[in-house]
């Protein structure tokens, strides 16, 4: 039997206390507790659109965007367009912020904060340096074929993303042929502008159309919408391509009703349709 158990009860407790104190004295002091691990900061916002494959082009310089311009590549494939948009060309260097393949794949070539070279000599609503004022989106299309469902679905997602992040008015989605009517005709008359308008992008006449009042000036309405009237026939052709799906260069029945409604929409907006900016031209 252990000696401790032979002791009388009133002497056991002091012995146990002494043993416990001795054990504590022999044990090393407790280690200090480590400080809590700092929580990592949230990741920074991506520099490039996560919806797209980043394919950088060197053909750009700084700018500020207030609208979106749609183009068609008029080439045989998206890969051929990528090569043109990423290299020097005999006709001069060109680029765009985005390219949409016919299968809906989205490529980004230039950061949105940079000035891509896609608009050339153009004008819209008093803005003459459209490269500085816009996001350029190329769509893989040879100019005579229909645009694919995959392309339009990707385009609608991209428009929603860009207009939200950059605070671009949704009605300021226009075509290359609109801003350069004497030089360009893209996107073609096959482009589904009404489909975009139904999703909330671009300016489009509302049904039912009302007749314009006496003395209505169609040319003044064209200018308010944004068209450059220095070549009137080219401007009317661009208007018809966008709003009527043809390329007639003379006024058609129904044009005045469309322009009257577009003018009314713009005049009812709380903010100006286009805010002129002063930037260096290319």
Protein backbone atom coordinates (compact mmCIF):
# COMPACT_ATOMS: atom_id res chain seq x y z
CA UNK A 1 0.00 0.00 0.00
CA UNK A 2 1.45 3.45 -0.87
CA UNK A 3 2.63 5.55 2.08
CA UNK A 4 0.17 8.28 1.31
CA UNK A 5 -2.75 5.92 1.76
CA UNK A 6 -1.37 4.88 5.22
CA UNK A 7 -1.56 8.49 6.44
CA UNK A 8 -4.41 9.73 8.51
CA UNK A 9 -7.06 11.62 6.56
CA UNK A 10 -6.28 14.99 8.19
CA UNK A 11 -2.65 14.75 6.95
CA UNK A 12 -3.37 13.59 3.36
CA UNK A 13 -4.63 16.90 1.98
CA UNK A 14 -1.47 18.95 2.81
CA UNK A 15 0.70 16.30 1.21
CA UNK A 16 -1.39 16.32 -2.01
CA UNK A 17 -1.20 20.11 -2.16
CA UNK A 18 2.58 19.98 -1.77
CA UNK A 19 2.89 17.38 -4.52
CA UNK A 20 0.76 19.51 -6.84
CA UNK A 21 2.85 22.62 -6.15
CA UNK A 22 6.04 20.69 -6.83
CA UNK A 23 4.66 19.43 -10.13
CA UNK A 24 3.72 22.98 -11.15
CA UNK A 25 7.18 24.23 -10.25
CA UNK A 26 8.79 21.56 -12.41
CA UNK A 27 6.54 22.23 -15.45
CA UNK A 28 7.65 24.81 -18.07
CA UNK A 29 5.64 28.03 -18.22
CA UNK A 30 2.83 28.01 -20.78
CA UNK A 31 3.78 29.17 -24.23
CA UNK A 32 2.32 32.51 -25.32
CA UNK A 33 -0.65 32.15 -27.64
CA UNK A 34 0.03 33.26 -31.25
CA UNK A 35 -1.71 36.37 -32.49
CA UNK A 36 -4.72 35.79 -34.74
CA UNK A 37 -3.83 35.43 -38.40
CA UNK A 38 -4.74 38.65 -40.25
CA UNK A 39 -7.67 38.18 -42.62
CA UNK A 40 -6.67 38.64 -46.28
CA UNK A 41 -7.94 41.72 -48.09
CA UNK A 42 -10.61 41.15 -50.73
CA UNK A 43 -9.11 40.57 -54.16
CA UNK A 44 -8.87 43.67 -56.35
CA UNK A 45 -11.34 44.11 -59.16
CA UNK A 46 -10.05 42.56 -62.39
CA UNK A 47 -8.39 44.93 -64.83
CA UNK A 48 -10.04 43.15 -67.74
CA UNK A 49 -13.58 41.91 -68.24
CA UNK A 50 -13.85 38.38 -66.78
CA UNK A 51 -16.52 37.55 -69.38
CA UNK A 52 -13.94 37.73 -72.18
CA UNK A 53 -10.67 36.13 -73.19
CA UNK A 54 -7.93 38.78 -72.89
CA UNK A 55 -6.15 39.13 -76.27
CA UNK A 56 -4.21 42.41 -75.88
CA UNK A 57 -3.66 44.76 -78.82
CA UNK A 58 -1.00 47.50 -78.68
CA UNK A 59 -3.11 49.79 -80.88
CA UNK A 60 -4.61 52.16 -78.29
CA UNK A 61 -4.11 55.23 -76.11
CA UNK A 62 -6.00 56.78 -73.11
CA UNK A 63 -9.61 58.00 -73.46
CA UNK A 64 -13.06 58.30 -71.81
CA UNK A 65 -16.20 56.46 -73.02
CA UNK A 66 -19.79 57.72 -73.06
CA UNK A 67 -21.29 55.48 -75.76
CA UNK A 68 -20.91 52.07 -77.48
CA UNK A 69 -20.28 51.58 -81.20
CA UNK A 70 -21.06 48.26 -82.93
CA UNK A 71 -19.11 47.04 -85.97
CA UNK A 72 -19.00 43.98 -88.20
CA UNK A 73 -15.61 42.57 -89.18
CA UNK A 74 -16.41 41.79 -92.85
CA UNK A 75 -13.76 39.06 -92.71
CA UNK A 76 -13.87 35.29 -93.09
CA UNK A 77 -13.37 34.39 -89.41
CA UNK A 78 -12.83 35.72 -85.91
CA UNK A 79 -9.23 34.51 -86.00
CA UNK A 80 -8.56 36.56 -89.14
CA UNK A 81 -10.14 39.58 -87.44
CA UNK A 82 -8.00 39.04 -84.33
CA UNK A 83 -4.87 39.08 -86.47
CA UNK A 84 -5.90 42.37 -88.07
CA UNK A 85 -6.85 43.94 -84.76
CA UNK A 86 -3.59 42.91 -83.07
CA UNK A 87 -1.05 43.83 -85.74
CA UNK A 88 0.05 46.59 -88.11
CA UNK A 89 -1.82 46.59 -91.40
CA UNK A 90 -1.22 48.08 -94.83
CA UNK A 91 -4.30 50.24 -94.40
CA UNK A 92 -3.25 51.46 -90.95
CA UNK A 93 -3.49 50.03 -87.45
CA UNK A 94 -6.99 49.33 -86.12
CA UNK A 95 -8.35 47.78 -82.95
CA UNK A 96 -11.51 47.42 -80.88
CA UNK A 97 -12.17 46.78 -77.23
CA UNK A 98 -14.11 43.57 -77.91
CA UNK A 99 -14.66 41.00 -80.63
CA UNK A 100 -17.55 38.52 -80.65
CA UNK A 101 -17.07 35.34 -82.69
CA UNK A 102 -19.93 33.76 -84.62
CA UNK A 103 -20.05 31.04 -81.95
CA UNK A 104 -20.53 33.64 -79.23
CA UNK A 105 -16.97 33.55 -77.85
CA UNK A 106 -16.02 36.97 -76.49
CA UNK A 107 -12.50 38.40 -76.78
CA UNK A 108 -11.21 41.60 -75.19
CA UNK A 109 -8.33 43.29 -77.00
CA UNK A 110 -8.08 46.72 -75.36
CA UNK A 111 -8.76 47.78 -71.78
CA UNK A 112 -11.92 49.85 -71.43
CA UNK A 113 -9.90 52.71 -69.93
CA UNK A 114 -7.84 52.93 -73.12
CA UNK A 115 -8.68 54.46 -76.48
CA UNK A 116 -9.04 51.78 -79.16
CA UNK A 117 -8.77 52.78 -82.81
CA UNK A 118 -12.07 51.63 -84.26
CA UNK A 119 -14.21 54.65 -85.21
CA UNK A 120 -11.96 56.63 -87.55
CA UNK A 121 -13.29 59.87 -89.01
CA UNK A 122 -16.78 60.03 -87.54
CA UNK A 123 -19.27 62.22 -85.71
CA UNK A 124 -22.28 61.69 -83.47
CA UNK A 125 -24.32 64.33 -81.68
CA UNK A 126 -21.55 66.90 -81.83
CA UNK A 127 -18.79 64.51 -80.71
CA UNK A 128 -16.12 64.19 -83.39
CA UNK A 129 -13.49 62.07 -81.60
CA UNK A 130 -15.50 58.89 -81.28
CA UNK A 131 -12.41 56.82 -80.43
CA UNK A 132 -12.15 58.80 -77.21
CA UNK A 133 -15.89 58.75 -76.55
CA UNK A 134 -16.83 55.12 -77.13
CA UNK A 135 -16.37 51.42 -76.52
CA UNK A 136 -15.87 49.57 -79.82
CA UNK A 137 -17.38 46.09 -80.28
CA UNK A 138 -16.58 44.10 -83.43
CA UNK A 139 -18.94 41.27 -84.43
CA UNK A 140 -17.64 38.45 -86.64
CA UNK A 141 -19.78 38.82 -89.77
CA UNK A 142 -18.95 39.00 -93.47
CA UNK A 143 -21.54 41.71 -94.17
CA UNK A 144 -24.08 39.54 -96.03
CA UNK A 145 -24.83 36.73 -93.57
CA UNK A 146 -27.32 36.84 -90.68
CA UNK A 147 -25.97 37.45 -87.20
CA UNK A 148 -26.04 34.30 -85.07
CA UNK A 149 -28.12 33.74 -81.97
CA UNK A 150 -24.95 33.02 -80.00
CA UNK A 151 -23.49 36.38 -81.04
CA UNK A 152 -26.57 38.35 -80.04
CA UNK A 153 -26.84 36.54 -76.71
CA UNK A 154 -23.20 37.37 -75.93
CA UNK A 155 -23.66 40.95 -77.10
CA UNK A 156 -26.66 41.48 -74.81
CA UNK A 157 -24.72 40.17 -71.81
CA UNK A 158 -21.78 42.41 -72.69
CA UNK A 159 -23.97 45.50 -73.13
CA UNK A 160 -25.55 44.90 -69.76
CA UNK A 161 -22.15 44.57 -68.14
CA UNK A 162 -20.54 47.60 -69.81
CA UNK A 163 -23.44 50.02 -69.40
CA UNK A 164 -23.69 49.10 -65.70
CA UNK A 165 -19.98 49.33 -64.87
CA UNK A 166 -19.18 52.40 -66.95
CA UNK A 167 -22.53 54.14 -66.40
CA UNK A 168 -23.11 54.54 -70.14
CA UNK A 169 -26.71 55.51 -71.06
CA UNK A 170 -28.36 52.44 -72.54
CA UNK A 171 -29.80 54.32 -75.51
CA UNK A 172 -26.29 55.30 -76.66
CA UNK A 173 -25.62 52.01 -78.47
CA UNK A 174 -25.11 52.88 -82.14
CA UNK A 175 -23.57 51.47 -85.32
CA UNK A 176 -20.40 52.32 -87.17
CA UNK A 177 -22.55 53.26 -90.17
CA UNK A 178 -24.47 55.71 -87.97
CA UNK A 179 -21.37 57.65 -86.93
CA UNK A 180 -19.66 57.54 -90.35
CA UNK A 181 -22.55 57.38 -92.85
CA UNK A 182 -20.48 58.49 -95.85
CA UNK A 183 -17.80 55.82 -95.26
CA UNK A 184 -19.29 52.84 -93.48
CA UNK A 185 -22.36 50.62 -93.64
CA UNK A 186 -21.87 48.28 -90.68
CA UNK A 187 -23.56 46.58 -89.04
CA UNK A 188 -25.58 45.62 -92.10
CA UNK A 189 -29.32 46.01 -92.59
CA UNK A 190 -29.63 42.45 -91.24
CA UNK A 191 -28.55 43.50 -87.75
CA UNK A 192 -31.40 43.03 -85.21
CA UNK A 193 -31.56 46.53 -83.69
CA UNK A 194 -35.12 45.94 -82.47
CA UNK A 195 -33.95 42.85 -80.59
CA UNK A 196 -31.45 45.02 -78.74
CA UNK A 197 -34.10 47.69 -78.13
CA UNK A 198 -36.48 45.11 -76.68
CA UNK A 199 -33.73 44.29 -74.18
CA UNK A 200 -33.30 47.99 -73.37
CA UNK A 201 -30.34 49.00 -75.56
CA UNK A 202 -30.33 51.64 -78.28
CA UNK A 203 -32.97 54.13 -79.33
CA UNK A 204 -36.01 52.66 -81.09
CA UNK A 205 -39.45 53.99 -82.12
CA UNK A 206 -42.38 53.03 -79.92
CA UNK A 207 -45.62 51.60 -81.28
CA UNK A 208 -48.13 52.90 -82.12
CA UNK A 209 -46.46 55.74 -83.96
CA UNK A 210 -48.18 59.12 -83.86
CA UNK A 211 -48.24 61.46 -86.86
CA UNK A 212 -45.88 64.42 -86.51
CA UNK A 213 -47.36 67.89 -86.04
CA UNK A 214 -47.58 70.38 -88.91
CA UNK A 215 -44.22 71.91 -89.70
CA UNK A 216 -42.26 68.97 -88.28
CA UNK A 217 -38.62 69.18 -89.44
CA UNK A 218 -37.26 65.69 -90.18
CA UNK A 219 -33.75 67.02 -90.70
CA UNK A 220 -33.72 68.72 -87.32
CA UNK A 221 -34.88 65.44 -85.76
CA UNK A 222 -32.09 63.58 -87.55
CA UNK A 223 -29.57 66.03 -86.13
CA UNK A 224 -31.02 65.66 -82.62
CA UNK A 225 -30.79 61.87 -82.83
CA UNK A 226 -27.09 62.32 -83.60
CA UNK A 227 -26.60 61.98 -87.36
CA UNK A 228 -23.99 64.02 -89.22
CA UNK A 229 -25.88 65.77 -92.04
CA UNK A 230 -22.93 66.99 -94.11
CA UNK A 231 -23.80 64.24 -96.62
CA UNK A 232 -27.62 64.17 -96.43
CA UNK A 233 -28.13 61.13 -98.68
CA UNK A 234 -25.59 59.10 -96.71
CA UNK A 235 -27.27 60.14 -93.44
CA UNK A 236 -30.70 59.04 -94.72
CA UNK A 237 -29.19 55.74 -95.89
CA UNK A 238 -27.71 55.15 -92.44
CA UNK A 239 -31.03 56.02 -90.79
CA UNK A 240 -32.88 53.54 -93.01
CA UNK A 241 -30.27 50.83 -92.44
CA UNK A 242 -30.65 51.18 -88.67
CA UNK A 243 -34.39 51.72 -88.32
CA UNK A 244 -35.98 50.26 -91.46
CA UNK A 245 -33.68 47.43 -92.61
CA UNK A 246 -32.92 48.92 -96.04
CA UNK A 247 -30.45 51.35 -97.59
CA UNK A 248 -32.72 53.78 -99.44
CA UNK A 249 -31.12 57.21 -99.77
CA UNK A 250 -34.40 59.14 -100.13
CA UNK A 251 -37.17 59.70 -97.58
CA UNK A 252 -39.77 56.92 -97.34
CA UNK A 253 -43.37 56.97 -96.09
CA UNK A 254 -43.30 56.50 -92.31
CA UNK A 255 -39.88 58.09 -91.77
CA UNK A 256 -41.36 61.26 -90.28
CA UNK A 257 -43.39 59.26 -87.75
CA UNK A 258 -40.28 57.35 -86.65
CA UNK A 259 -38.17 60.48 -86.34
CA UNK A 260 -40.91 62.32 -84.47
CA UNK A 261 -41.04 59.55 -81.86
CA UNK A 262 -37.24 59.33 -81.55
CA UNK A 263 -37.10 63.10 -81.11
CA UNK A 264 -39.79 62.99 -78.42
CA UNK A 265 -37.96 60.25 -76.52
CA UNK A 266 -34.76 62.28 -76.50
CA UNK A 267 -36.48 65.50 -75.50
CA UNK A 268 -38.22 63.72 -72.62
CA UNK A 269 -34.96 62.37 -71.21
CA UNK A 270 -33.76 64.11 -68.03
CA UNK A 271 -30.13 64.20 -69.22
CA UNK A 272 -28.69 65.24 -72.60
CA UNK A 273 -28.42 62.41 -75.11
CA UNK A 274 -24.72 63.14 -75.66
CA UNK A 275 -22.40 65.20 -73.48
CA UNK A 276 -19.73 66.79 -75.73
CA UNK A 277 -16.18 66.14 -74.54
CA UNK A 278 -12.87 67.72 -75.46
CA UNK A 279 -10.15 65.18 -76.11
CA UNK A 280 -7.09 64.87 -78.35
CA UNK A 281 -7.89 63.45 -81.75
CA UNK A 282 -5.92 60.68 -83.35
